[in-house]
Amino acid sequence: GTHKETIQYLLMWIMDCDDSVLWCSGLAGTGKSSLVGTLHNCLCLDMSCHSHVAAFIRYDRTSYWDSSGLITFIAYSLAMFN
């Protein structure tokens, strides 16, 4: 695919890094959501990978501006993980 090198970089970051957050930002339409969706699919195919919580945050929709939903989602995901 078109994101092959970037996906490899992100997979290495997930497996090897000490950082807890990877911030993916850019102009609308540059492929951020597509890239992260592809990364998610790659991680789902390899069940030996560590579990991760990911969030898509969109600022173009006012319904997403309330962070309480994000916190609730993260808390629920962590509770279901264990």
N, C-alpha and C. Protein backbone atom coordinates (compact mmCIF):
# COMPACT_ATOMS: atom_id res chain seq x y z
N GLY A 1 0.80 -1.19 0.00
CA GLY A 1 0.00 0.00 0.00
C GLY A 1 0.84 1.26 0.00
N THR A 2 0.16 2.35 -0.07
CA THR A 2 0.83 3.64 -0.17
C THR A 2 1.45 4.09 1.15
N HIS A 3 1.01 3.51 2.24
CA HIS A 3 1.52 3.91 3.56
C HIS A 3 2.51 2.89 4.13
N LYS A 4 3.07 2.04 3.29
CA LYS A 4 3.86 0.90 3.77
C LYS A 4 5.01 1.31 4.69
N GLU A 5 5.81 2.28 4.30
CA GLU A 5 6.94 2.71 5.12
C GLU A 5 6.47 3.34 6.43
N THR A 6 5.42 4.13 6.35
CA THR A 6 4.89 4.78 7.55
C THR A 6 4.31 3.75 8.50
N ILE A 7 3.60 2.76 7.98
CA ILE A 7 3.04 1.69 8.81
C ILE A 7 4.17 0.94 9.51
N GLN A 8 5.24 0.63 8.78
CA GLN A 8 6.38 -0.05 9.39
C GLN A 8 6.97 0.78 10.53
N TYR A 9 7.10 2.09 10.30
CA TYR A 9 7.61 2.99 11.34
C TYR A 9 6.70 2.96 12.57
N LEU A 10 5.40 3.04 12.35
CA LEU A 10 4.46 3.05 13.47
C LEU A 10 4.46 1.73 14.22
N LEU A 11 4.55 0.62 13.50
CA LEU A 11 4.62 -0.68 14.17
C LEU A 11 5.88 -0.79 15.03
N MET A 12 6.99 -0.29 14.52
CA MET A 12 8.23 -0.29 15.31
C MET A 12 8.08 0.62 16.53
N TRP A 13 7.43 1.76 16.38
CA TRP A 13 7.20 2.67 17.50
C TRP A 13 6.37 1.97 18.57
N ILE A 14 5.33 1.27 18.16
CA ILE A 14 4.46 0.58 19.11
C ILE A 14 5.24 -0.49 19.87
N MET A 15 6.07 -1.24 19.18
CA MET A 15 6.77 -2.35 19.80
C MET A 15 7.98 -1.92 20.63
N ASP A 16 8.63 -0.82 20.27
CA ASP A 16 9.92 -0.49 20.88
C ASP A 16 9.97 0.78 21.70
N CYS A 17 9.02 1.65 21.57
CA CYS A 17 9.21 2.98 22.15
C CYS A 17 8.86 3.03 23.63
N ASP A 18 9.36 4.06 24.27
CA ASP A 18 9.04 4.33 25.67
C ASP A 18 7.99 5.41 25.80
N ASP A 19 7.64 6.05 24.70
CA ASP A 19 6.63 7.11 24.73
C ASP A 19 5.24 6.49 24.86
N SER A 20 4.34 7.20 25.52
CA SER A 20 3.00 6.65 25.72
C SER A 20 1.98 7.20 24.73
N VAL A 21 2.31 8.26 24.01
CA VAL A 21 1.36 8.87 23.09
C VAL A 21 2.06 9.17 21.76
N LEU A 22 1.41 8.82 20.69
CA LEU A 22 1.86 9.22 19.36
C LEU A 22 0.80 10.13 18.80
N TRP A 23 1.15 11.36 18.55
CA TRP A 23 0.20 12.36 18.07
C TRP A 23 0.30 12.43 16.56
N CYS A 24 -0.79 12.17 15.89
CA CYS A 24 -0.85 12.18 14.43
C CYS A 24 -1.71 13.37 14.00
N SER A 25 -1.09 14.38 13.41
CA SER A 25 -1.85 15.56 13.01
C SER A 25 -1.49 15.94 11.58
N GLY A 26 -2.36 16.71 10.97
CA GLY A 26 -2.13 17.15 9.61
C GLY A 26 -3.38 17.78 9.03
N LEU A 27 -3.25 18.29 7.83
CA LEU A 27 -4.37 18.92 7.16
C LEU A 27 -5.45 17.90 6.83
N ALA A 28 -6.66 18.39 6.71
CA ALA A 28 -7.79 17.53 6.33
C ALA A 28 -7.52 16.89 4.97
N GLY A 29 -7.83 15.61 4.87
CA GLY A 29 -7.70 14.93 3.59
C GLY A 29 -6.32 14.41 3.26
N THR A 30 -5.38 14.47 4.21
CA THR A 30 -4.02 14.01 3.93
C THR A 30 -3.80 12.54 4.24
N GLY A 31 -4.82 11.85 4.78
CA GLY A 31 -4.72 10.41 4.97
C GLY A 31 -4.47 9.93 6.38
N LYS A 32 -4.65 10.80 7.37
CA LYS A 32 -4.42 10.40 8.77
C LYS A 32 -5.34 9.27 9.19
N SER A 33 -6.62 9.42 8.94
CA SER A 33 -7.59 8.39 9.33
C SER A 33 -7.35 7.09 8.57
N SER A 34 -7.04 7.20 7.30
CA SER A 34 -6.73 6.01 6.50
C SER A 34 -5.50 5.30 7.04
N LEU A 35 -4.49 6.07 7.38
CA LEU A 35 -3.25 5.51 7.92
C LEU A 35 -3.51 4.78 9.24
N VAL A 36 -4.21 5.42 10.15
CA VAL A 36 -4.48 4.81 11.45
C VAL A 36 -5.42 3.61 11.30
N GLY A 37 -6.37 3.69 10.38
CA GLY A 37 -7.24 2.54 10.11
C GLY A 37 -6.45 1.34 9.60
N THR A 38 -5.51 1.59 8.70
CA THR A 38 -4.64 0.53 8.19
C THR A 38 -3.78 -0.04 9.31
N LEU A 39 -3.25 0.83 10.15
CA LEU A 39 -2.45 0.39 11.30
C LEU A 39 -3.29 -0.50 12.22
N HIS A 40 -4.51 -0.08 12.49
CA HIS A 40 -5.41 -0.87 13.34
C HIS A 40 -5.64 -2.26 12.73
N ASN A 41 -5.89 -2.31 11.43
CA ASN A 41 -6.10 -3.60 10.77
C ASN A 41 -4.87 -4.49 10.87
N CYS A 42 -3.68 -3.90 10.71
CA CYS A 42 -2.44 -4.68 10.84
C CYS A 42 -2.30 -5.24 12.25
N LEU A 43 -2.61 -4.44 13.25
CA LEU A 43 -2.50 -4.91 14.63
C LEU A 43 -3.52 -5.99 14.93
N CYS A 44 -4.71 -5.88 14.37
CA CYS A 44 -5.75 -6.89 14.59
C CYS A 44 -5.36 -8.22 13.96
N LEU A 45 -4.66 -8.19 12.84
CA LEU A 45 -4.24 -9.42 12.17
C LEU A 45 -3.16 -10.14 12.96
N ASP A 46 -2.35 -9.38 13.68
CA ASP A 46 -1.27 -9.97 14.46
C ASP A 46 -1.67 -9.97 15.93
N MET A 47 -2.34 -11.00 16.36
CA MET A 47 -2.86 -11.04 17.73
C MET A 47 -1.76 -11.15 18.77
N SER A 48 -0.52 -11.38 18.34
CA SER A 48 0.57 -11.44 19.31
C SER A 48 1.00 -10.04 19.75
N CYS A 49 0.51 -9.02 19.07
CA CYS A 49 0.84 -7.65 19.46
C CYS A 49 0.16 -7.30 20.78
N HIS A 50 0.74 -6.34 21.47
CA HIS A 50 0.14 -5.86 22.70
C HIS A 50 -1.17 -5.15 22.39
N SER A 51 -2.09 -5.18 23.32
CA SER A 51 -3.34 -4.45 23.14
C SER A 51 -3.09 -2.96 23.32
N HIS A 52 -3.83 -2.18 22.57
CA HIS A 52 -3.67 -0.73 22.62
C HIS A 52 -5.05 -0.08 22.59
N VAL A 53 -5.13 1.07 23.16
CA VAL A 53 -6.33 1.88 23.08
C VAL A 53 -6.03 3.02 22.11
N ALA A 54 -6.90 3.24 21.16
CA ALA A 54 -6.71 4.31 20.19
C ALA A 54 -7.97 5.13 20.11
N ALA A 55 -7.81 6.38 19.75
CA ALA A 55 -8.96 7.27 19.62
C ALA A 55 -8.78 8.14 18.39
N PHE A 56 -9.86 8.30 17.66
CA PHE A 56 -9.91 9.26 16.57
C PHE A 56 -10.61 10.49 17.12
N ILE A 57 -9.97 11.63 17.05
CA ILE A 57 -10.58 12.86 17.53
C ILE A 57 -10.77 13.78 16.34
N ARG A 58 -12.00 14.17 16.10
CA ARG A 58 -12.32 15.04 14.97
C ARG A 58 -12.81 16.38 15.50
N TYR A 59 -12.17 17.43 15.05
CA TYR A 59 -12.54 18.76 15.50
C TYR A 59 -13.53 19.44 14.57
N ASP A 60 -13.89 18.78 13.48
CA ASP A 60 -14.83 19.39 12.54
C ASP A 60 -16.28 19.09 12.90
N ARG A 61 -16.51 18.35 13.95
CA ARG A 61 -17.87 18.04 14.40
C ARG A 61 -18.01 18.43 15.86
N THR A 62 -18.93 19.32 16.13
CA THR A 62 -19.07 19.83 17.50
C THR A 62 -19.46 18.74 18.49
N SER A 63 -20.09 17.67 18.02
CA SER A 63 -20.46 16.60 18.94
C SER A 63 -19.24 15.89 19.52
N TYR A 64 -18.08 16.04 18.89
CA TYR A 64 -16.86 15.42 19.39
C TYR A 64 -16.06 16.34 20.30
N TRP A 65 -16.48 17.56 20.51
CA TRP A 65 -15.71 18.50 21.30
C TRP A 65 -15.74 18.20 22.79
N ASP A 66 -16.74 17.47 23.26
CA ASP A 66 -16.86 17.15 24.67
C ASP A 66 -15.96 15.96 24.99
N SER A 67 -14.91 16.20 25.77
CA SER A 67 -13.93 15.15 26.06
C SER A 67 -14.46 14.10 27.03
N SER A 68 -15.58 14.34 27.68
CA SER A 68 -16.08 13.35 28.64
C SER A 68 -16.42 12.03 27.95
N GLY A 69 -16.86 12.06 26.73
CA GLY A 69 -17.13 10.83 26.00
C GLY A 69 -15.85 10.05 25.73
N LEU A 70 -14.76 10.75 25.45
CA LEU A 70 -13.48 10.09 25.23
C LEU A 70 -13.00 9.42 26.50
N ILE A 71 -13.09 10.13 27.61
CA ILE A 71 -12.66 9.57 28.90
C ILE A 71 -13.50 8.34 29.23
N THR A 72 -14.80 8.41 29.01
CA THR A 72 -15.68 7.27 29.27
C THR A 72 -15.29 6.08 28.39
N PHE A 73 -15.02 6.34 27.11
CA PHE A 73 -14.63 5.27 26.20
C PHE A 73 -13.32 4.62 26.63
N ILE A 74 -12.34 5.43 27.00
CA ILE A 74 -11.05 4.88 27.43
C ILE A 74 -11.22 4.05 28.70
N ALA A 75 -11.98 4.57 29.66
CA ALA A 75 -12.21 3.83 30.90
C ALA A 75 -12.91 2.50 30.61
N TYR A 76 -13.91 2.51 29.75
CA TYR A 76 -14.63 1.28 29.40
C TYR A 76 -13.69 0.29 28.70
N SER A 77 -12.89 0.78 27.77
CA SER A 77 -11.97 -0.09 27.04
C SER A 77 -10.95 -0.73 27.97
N LEU A 78 -10.44 0.05 28.91
CA LEU A 78 -9.48 -0.51 29.86
C LEU A 78 -10.14 -1.53 30.78
N ALA A 79 -11.37 -1.27 31.19
CA ALA A 79 -12.09 -2.21 32.04
C ALA A 79 -12.36 -3.52 31.31
N MET A 80 -12.68 -3.45 30.03
CA MET A 80 -12.96 -4.65 29.25
C MET A 80 -11.68 -5.42 28.93
N PHE A 81 -10.55 -4.73 28.93
CA PHE A 81 -9.27 -5.37 28.62
C PHE A 81 -8.88 -6.39 29.67
N ASN A 82 -9.16 -6.08 30.91
CA ASN A 82 -8.72 -6.97 31.99
C ASN A 82 -9.90 -7.78 32.50
